[in-house]
Amino acid sequence: MKTKLVIVFLLLVGIAGYAVNRMSHHKIKDGDIIFQTSLSGQSKAIQLATHSKYSHCGIVYKKGNELFVFEAVEPVKLTPLSKWIARGEGGKFEIRRLKNREQILTPAVLEKMKQVENRFAGKHYDIYFDWSDDNIYCSELVWKVYKEATGLEIGQLEKLRNFDLSSEAVKQKMKERYGDHIPLDENVISPVSIYNSELLKRVN
């Protein structure tokens, strides 16, 4: 059984590596935002609540000749892009970029983004989707890094009550996290809200 799991993992990493090589033709750039369907335990609930296939996102950076994704998992960290892609459903992903990236993401602004990220690095993943900076979830991380470094709001903030909380999977996850005290008026930014931002364009 372990051998089969290792083979599957190596195949996924291989597919992810191929995908990264294919994407090199599109010249992935610092600050690009990447989306995937996560295989985490809460992914289905996020998809149902937000009516989107995407449940996880991060910011892509190049360090030397390697590509990484700055993401909020446990803990907030940089993950090699090929490993990040391999973790997603079917190795599929999508990258979106600021329409006026060259004017906005100057070297100075990119450096400021990385300074903001250094402040978040190592923080715990926020399973409660609280809007404070104590812990942080994936789309909150992307939104706050861009907001602080560029002044742009990538995606529309919503209240938790505005999401579709009607499915059993969502109700179960909410009960598990909050008990009978669901913070319906908490500010939330979802991956799909960032994805749909008019400030972004599709890259791949």
Protein backbone atom coordinates (compact mmCIF):
# COMPACT_ATOMS: atom_id res chain seq x y z
CA MET A 1 0.00 0.00 0.00
CA LYS A 2 2.81 2.41 0.92
CA THR A 3 4.57 1.62 -2.35
CA LYS A 4 1.42 2.50 -4.32
CA LEU A 5 1.07 5.78 -2.44
CA VAL A 6 4.70 6.67 -3.18
CA ILE A 7 4.19 5.89 -6.88
CA VAL A 8 1.04 8.04 -7.01
CA PHE A 9 2.84 10.91 -5.29
CA LEU A 10 5.80 10.69 -7.67
CA LEU A 11 3.43 10.68 -10.64
CA LEU A 12 1.68 13.78 -9.32
CA VAL A 13 4.98 15.56 -8.77
CA GLY A 14 6.03 14.58 -12.29
CA ILE A 15 2.77 15.94 -13.73
CA ALA A 16 3.20 19.11 -11.68
CA GLY A 17 6.74 19.50 -12.98
CA TYR A 18 5.48 19.17 -16.53
CA ALA A 19 2.80 21.76 -15.83
CA VAL A 20 5.38 24.18 -14.45
CA ASN A 21 7.54 23.70 -17.54
CA ARG A 22 4.52 24.27 -19.75
CA MET A 23 3.68 27.43 -17.82
CA SER A 24 7.21 28.75 -18.31
CA HIS A 25 6.14 29.68 -21.82
CA HIS A 26 3.70 32.08 -20.22
CA LYS A 27 6.54 33.55 -18.16
CA ILE A 28 5.17 33.30 -14.64
CA LYS A 29 5.97 36.54 -12.83
CA ASP A 30 6.49 37.62 -9.22
CA GLY A 31 3.17 38.50 -7.64
CA ASP A 32 0.99 36.28 -9.84
CA ILE A 33 -1.92 34.73 -7.93
CA ILE A 34 -2.43 30.97 -8.30
CA PHE A 35 -5.62 29.00 -7.61
CA GLN A 36 -6.39 25.31 -7.17
CA THR A 37 -8.99 22.90 -5.83
CA SER A 38 -7.53 21.80 -2.53
CA LEU A 39 -7.80 18.22 -1.26
CA SER A 40 -8.11 19.40 2.34
CA GLY A 41 -10.95 18.32 4.60
CA GLN A 42 -12.67 21.69 4.37
CA SER A 43 -12.32 22.16 0.60
CA LYS A 44 -15.76 20.80 -0.30
CA ALA A 45 -17.46 23.06 2.21
CA ILE A 46 -15.62 26.09 0.79
CA GLN A 47 -16.60 25.13 -2.75
CA LEU A 48 -20.26 24.74 -1.79
CA ALA A 49 -20.39 27.92 0.27
CA THR A 50 -18.74 30.04 -2.43
CA HIS A 51 -20.13 28.27 -5.54
CA SER A 52 -16.62 27.87 -6.94
CA LYS A 53 -14.31 25.00 -7.84
CA TYR A 54 -11.37 26.89 -6.36
CA SER A 55 -10.77 26.55 -2.63
CA HIS A 56 -7.11 27.54 -2.21
CA CYS A 57 -4.83 30.29 -3.50
CA GLY A 58 -1.41 31.83 -2.99
CA ILE A 59 1.13 34.26 -4.47
CA VAL A 60 3.87 33.04 -6.81
CA TYR A 61 7.48 34.18 -6.46
CA LYS A 62 10.75 33.33 -8.12
CA LYS A 63 13.83 32.72 -5.96
CA GLY A 64 16.88 32.11 -8.07
CA ASN A 65 15.73 29.72 -10.77
CA GLU A 66 12.98 28.19 -8.66
CA LEU A 67 9.29 29.09 -8.40
CA PHE A 68 7.51 29.11 -5.03
CA VAL A 69 4.02 29.83 -3.72
CA PHE A 70 3.59 31.92 -0.58
CA GLU A 71 0.53 30.38 1.04
CA ALA A 72 -1.42 30.08 4.25
CA VAL A 73 -1.36 26.45 5.30
CA GLU A 74 -0.02 25.19 8.61
CA PRO A 75 2.03 27.28 9.00
CA VAL A 76 2.12 30.19 6.53
CA LYS A 77 5.15 29.50 4.32
CA LEU A 78 6.80 29.34 0.90
CA THR A 79 6.14 26.07 -0.95
CA PRO A 80 7.90 24.95 -4.15
CA LEU A 81 5.45 25.47 -7.01
CA SER A 82 5.67 21.88 -8.27
CA LYS A 83 4.79 20.52 -4.81
CA TRP A 84 1.98 23.06 -4.46
CA ILE A 85 0.46 21.98 -7.77
CA ALA A 86 0.83 18.28 -6.90
CA ARG A 87 -1.25 18.84 -3.74
CA GLY A 88 -4.25 20.05 -5.73
CA GLU A 89 -7.01 18.05 -7.37
CA GLY A 90 -5.72 16.48 -10.57
CA GLY A 91 -2.66 18.74 -10.57
CA LYS A 92 -4.83 21.48 -12.08
CA PHE A 93 -4.35 25.17 -11.36
CA GLU A 94 -4.98 28.61 -12.78
CA ILE A 95 -2.88 31.76 -12.60
CA ARG A 96 -4.20 35.31 -12.67
CA ARG A 97 -2.24 38.56 -12.83
CA LEU A 98 -2.79 42.27 -12.36
CA LYS A 99 -3.86 43.78 -15.69
CA ASN A 100 -1.46 46.67 -15.19
CA ARG A 101 1.18 44.62 -13.39
CA GLU A 102 4.20 46.39 -14.89
CA GLN A 103 2.99 49.77 -13.62
CA ILE A 104 1.97 48.54 -10.15
CA LEU A 105 4.42 45.81 -9.18
CA THR A 106 7.64 47.78 -9.43
CA PRO A 107 10.77 46.33 -7.76
CA ALA A 108 10.12 48.56 -4.75
CA VAL A 109 6.53 47.35 -4.40
CA LEU A 110 7.55 43.71 -4.79
CA GLU A 111 10.10 44.23 -2.05
CA LYS A 112 7.39 45.74 0.15
CA MET A 113 5.15 42.71 -0.56
CA LYS A 114 7.93 40.42 0.64
CA GLN A 115 8.38 42.53 3.78
CA VAL A 116 4.66 42.19 4.51
CA GLU A 117 4.90 38.46 3.91
CA ASN A 118 7.81 38.15 6.32
CA ARG A 119 5.47 39.44 9.01
CA PHE A 120 2.93 36.73 8.23
CA ALA A 121 5.39 33.87 7.69
CA GLY A 122 5.16 31.21 10.38
CA LYS A 123 1.69 32.22 11.59
CA HIS A 124 -0.84 29.45 12.19
CA TYR A 125 -3.56 28.71 9.66
CA ASP A 126 -6.86 30.29 10.69
CA ILE A 127 -9.56 27.59 10.75
CA TYR A 128 -12.09 30.13 12.08
CA PHE A 129 -11.69 32.63 9.21
CA ASP A 130 -11.25 35.49 11.65
CA TRP A 131 -10.27 38.85 10.14
CA SER A 132 -7.54 39.63 12.67
CA ASP A 133 -3.86 39.09 11.84
CA ASP A 134 -3.32 36.64 14.72
CA ASN A 135 -3.83 33.64 12.44
CA ILE A 136 -4.51 33.76 8.70
CA TYR A 137 -6.18 31.76 5.91
CA CYS A 138 -5.19 31.55 2.25
CA SER A 139 -7.30 34.20 0.53
CA GLU A 140 -6.97 36.54 3.53
CA LEU A 141 -3.19 36.31 3.14
CA VAL A 142 -3.32 37.20 -0.57
CA TRP A 143 -5.78 40.05 0.00
CA LYS A 144 -3.85 41.60 2.91
CA VAL A 145 -0.44 41.36 1.23
CA TYR A 146 -1.75 43.13 -1.86
CA LYS A 147 -3.71 45.69 0.16
CA GLU A 148 -0.81 46.68 2.38
CA ALA A 149 1.87 46.67 -0.33
CA THR A 150 -0.07 48.18 -3.25
CA GLY A 151 -3.18 49.76 -1.74
CA LEU A 152 -5.33 47.62 -4.04
CA GLU A 153 -8.25 45.51 -2.83
CA ILE A 154 -8.12 42.33 -4.92
CA GLY A 155 -11.63 40.97 -4.49
CA GLN A 156 -14.69 42.12 -2.58
CA LEU A 157 -14.91 41.60 1.17
CA GLU A 158 -18.14 39.89 2.26
CA LYS A 159 -19.84 38.90 5.48
CA LEU A 160 -19.92 35.23 6.41
CA ARG A 161 -23.74 35.37 6.29
CA ASN A 162 -23.57 36.24 2.56
CA PHE A 163 -22.21 32.82 1.62
CA ASP A 164 -24.38 29.79 0.88
CA LEU A 165 -24.50 28.06 4.26
CA SER A 166 -27.40 25.75 3.38
CA SER A 167 -25.67 22.48 2.43
CA GLU A 168 -25.13 19.74 5.00
CA ALA A 169 -21.36 19.72 4.41
CA VAL A 170 -21.18 23.44 5.20
CA LYS A 171 -23.49 23.16 8.21
CA GLN A 172 -21.40 20.33 9.61
CA LYS A 173 -18.16 22.26 9.18
CA MET A 174 -19.66 25.40 10.74
CA LYS A 175 -20.98 23.41 13.70
CA GLU A 176 -17.56 21.78 14.11
CA ARG A 177 -15.77 25.15 14.11
CA TYR A 178 -18.21 27.48 15.89
CA GLY A 179 -20.73 25.39 17.76
CA ASP A 180 -23.93 27.46 18.15
CA HIS A 181 -22.19 30.82 17.89
CA ILE A 182 -21.51 31.39 14.19
CA PRO A 183 -19.91 34.83 13.55
CA LEU A 184 -22.20 35.70 10.65
CA ASP A 185 -21.04 39.33 10.51
CA GLU A 186 -17.33 38.51 10.28
CA ASN A 187 -15.52 39.97 7.26
CA VAL A 188 -14.41 37.22 4.87
CA ILE A 189 -12.55 37.18 1.57
CA SER A 190 -12.99 34.03 -0.51
CA PRO A 191 -10.68 32.59 -3.19
CA VAL A 192 -13.38 33.07 -5.83
CA SER A 193 -13.82 36.73 -4.91
CA ILE A 194 -10.13 37.30 -5.59
CA TYR A 195 -10.34 35.16 -8.74
CA ASN A 196 -13.22 37.27 -10.08
CA SER A 197 -11.57 40.62 -9.38
CA GLU A 198 -11.78 42.99 -12.33
CA LEU A 199 -8.18 44.00 -11.57
CA LEU A 200 -6.90 40.60 -12.70
CA LYS A 201 -6.52 38.79 -15.99
CA ARG A 202 -6.06 35.11 -16.75
CA VAL A 203 -2.53 33.95 -17.58
CA ASN A 204 -2.92 30.21 -18.35
